[in-house]
Amino acid sequence: MRGVIPMFARIVARHPETPKLMRFYWDTIEACAPPAAIMSAIKDARFEDVTRYVELGIFSEYCARKPLSAAAL
């Protein structure tokens, strides 16, 4: 996909810089932190019930709950 999408963008896009943007997009995806590291960081920040939802097999959404503080009890 890294090479296909920029080539396709060059064919269909009106702006000449679109393929460059698509290459940047794929570079950022390749450099992305793995889901386990993201979930670990959320837990390390003391959030609870950390979950990950995946849409279309590629988009991740992370959800967590802020714990009740001792002062709120």
C-alpha atoms as a PDB file:
ATOM      1  CA  MET A   1       0.000   0.000   0.000  1.00  0.00           C
ATOM      2  CA  ARG A   2       2.880   2.349   0.707  1.00  0.00           C
ATOM      3  CA  GLY A   3       3.743   2.583  -2.980  1.00  0.00           C
ATOM      4  CA  VAL A   4       0.303   1.940  -4.456  1.00  0.00           C
ATOM      5  CA  ILE A   5      -1.582   4.743  -2.714  1.00  0.00           C
ATOM      6  CA  PRO A   6       0.839   7.554  -3.709  1.00  0.00           C
ATOM      7  CA  MET A   7       0.836   6.283  -7.304  1.00  0.00           C
ATOM      8  CA  PHE A   8      -2.975   6.175  -7.341  1.00  0.00           C
ATOM      9  CA  ALA A   9      -3.082   9.658  -5.792  1.00  0.00           C
ATOM     10  CA  ARG A  10      -0.844  10.965  -8.581  1.00  0.00           C
ATOM     11  CA  ILE A  11      -3.350   9.680 -11.156  1.00  0.00           C
ATOM     12  CA  VAL A  12      -6.583  10.954  -9.566  1.00  0.00           C
ATOM     13  CA  ALA A  13      -5.507  13.993  -7.524  1.00  0.00           C
ATOM     14  CA  ARG A  14      -5.641  17.510  -8.825  1.00  0.00           C
ATOM     15  CA  HIS A  15      -2.851  18.861  -6.665  1.00  0.00           C
ATOM     16  CA  PRO A  16       0.698  17.777  -7.591  1.00  0.00           C
ATOM     17  CA  GLU A  17       1.761  17.485  -3.927  1.00  0.00           C
ATOM     18  CA  THR A  18      -0.887  14.852  -3.065  1.00  0.00           C
ATOM     19  CA  PRO A  19       1.431  11.845  -3.648  1.00  0.00           C
ATOM     20  CA  LYS A  20       3.942  13.429  -1.259  1.00  0.00           C
ATOM     21  CA  LEU A  21       1.215  13.745   1.379  1.00  0.00           C
ATOM     22  CA  MET A  22       0.210  10.100   0.890  1.00  0.00           C
ATOM     23  CA  ARG A  23       3.838   8.965   1.341  1.00  0.00           C
ATOM     24  CA  PHE A  24       4.005  11.003   4.565  1.00  0.00           C
ATOM     25  CA  TYR A  25       0.742   9.410   5.711  1.00  0.00           C
ATOM     26  CA  TRP A  26       2.124   5.878   5.271  1.00  0.00           C
ATOM     27  CA  ASP A  27       5.435   6.842   6.923  1.00  0.00           C
ATOM     28  CA  THR A  28       3.525   8.002  10.002  1.00  0.00           C
ATOM     29  CA  ILE A  29       1.550   4.754  10.122  1.00  0.00           C
ATOM     30  CA  GLU A  30       4.744   2.694   9.955  1.00  0.00           C
ATOM     31  CA  ALA A  31       6.279   4.755  12.791  1.00  0.00           C
ATOM     32  CA  CYS A  32       3.193   4.453  14.998  1.00  0.00           C
ATOM     33  CA  ALA A  33       3.521   3.049  18.505  1.00  0.00           C
ATOM     34  CA  PRO A  34       2.214  -0.508  18.863  1.00  0.00           C
ATOM     35  CA  PRO A  35      -1.216  -0.876  20.525  1.00  0.00           C
ATOM     36  CA  ALA A  36       0.243  -2.687  23.557  1.00  0.00           C
ATOM     37  CA  ALA A  37       2.574   0.263  24.237  1.00  0.00           C
ATOM     38  CA  ILE A  38      -0.296   2.749  23.964  1.00  0.00           C
ATOM     39  CA  MET A  39      -2.499   0.730  26.306  1.00  0.00           C
ATOM     40  CA  SER A  40       0.382   0.366  28.760  1.00  0.00           C
ATOM     41  CA  ALA A  41       0.961   4.133  28.760  1.00  0.00           C
ATOM     42  CA  ILE A  42      -2.723   4.758  29.452  1.00  0.00           C
ATOM     43  CA  LYS A  43      -2.621   2.297  32.357  1.00  0.00           C
ATOM     44  CA  ASP A  44       0.618   3.878  33.635  1.00  0.00           C
ATOM     45  CA  ALA A  45      -1.277   7.190  33.716  1.00  0.00           C
ATOM     46  CA  ARG A  46      -3.594   5.466  36.225  1.00  0.00           C
ATOM     47  CA  PHE A  47      -6.633   5.061  34.007  1.00  0.00           C
ATOM     48  CA  GLU A  48      -8.789   1.964  34.460  1.00  0.00           C
ATOM     49  CA  ASP A  49     -10.705  -0.402  32.181  1.00  0.00           C
ATOM     50  CA  VAL A  50      -8.485   0.358  29.191  1.00  0.00           C
ATOM     51  CA  THR A  51      -9.888  -1.051  25.965  1.00  0.00           C
ATOM     52  CA  ARG A  52      -9.075  -0.847  22.292  1.00  0.00           C
ATOM     53  CA  TYR A  53     -11.652  -0.932  19.506  1.00  0.00           C
ATOM     54  CA  VAL A  54     -10.541  -1.612  15.940  1.00  0.00           C
ATOM     55  CA  GLU A  55     -12.580  -0.371  12.968  1.00  0.00           C
ATOM     56  CA  LEU A  56     -12.123  -1.684   9.438  1.00  0.00           C
ATOM     57  CA  GLY A  57      -9.116  -3.613  10.667  1.00  0.00           C
ATOM     58  CA  ILE A  58      -6.869  -0.532  10.700  1.00  0.00           C
ATOM     59  CA  PHE A  59      -8.307   2.277  12.843  1.00  0.00           C
ATOM     60  CA  SER A  60      -7.815   2.034  16.600  1.00  0.00           C
ATOM     61  CA  GLU A  61      -9.825   3.812  19.252  1.00  0.00           C
ATOM     62  CA  TYR A  62      -8.675   3.665  22.849  1.00  0.00           C
ATOM     63  CA  CYS A  63     -11.027   4.130  25.761  1.00  0.00           C
ATOM     64  CA  ALA A  64     -10.407   4.239  29.510  1.00  0.00           C
ATOM     65  CA  ARG A  65     -12.082   5.366  32.680  1.00  0.00           C
ATOM     66  CA  LYS A  66     -10.670   7.868  35.121  1.00  0.00           C
ATOM     67  CA  PRO A  67     -10.787   6.309  38.598  1.00  0.00           C
ATOM     68  CA  LEU A  68     -12.739   7.940  41.367  1.00  0.00           C
ATOM     69  CA  SER A  69     -10.418   9.856  43.638  1.00  0.00           C
ATOM     70  CA  ALA A  70     -10.358   9.144  47.360  1.00  0.00           C
ATOM     71  CA  ALA A  71     -11.544  12.724  48.001  1.00  0.00           C
ATOM     72  CA  ALA A  72     -14.725  12.144  45.979  1.00  0.00           C
ATOM     73  CA  LEU A  73     -15.795   9.223  48.189  1.00  0.00           C
END
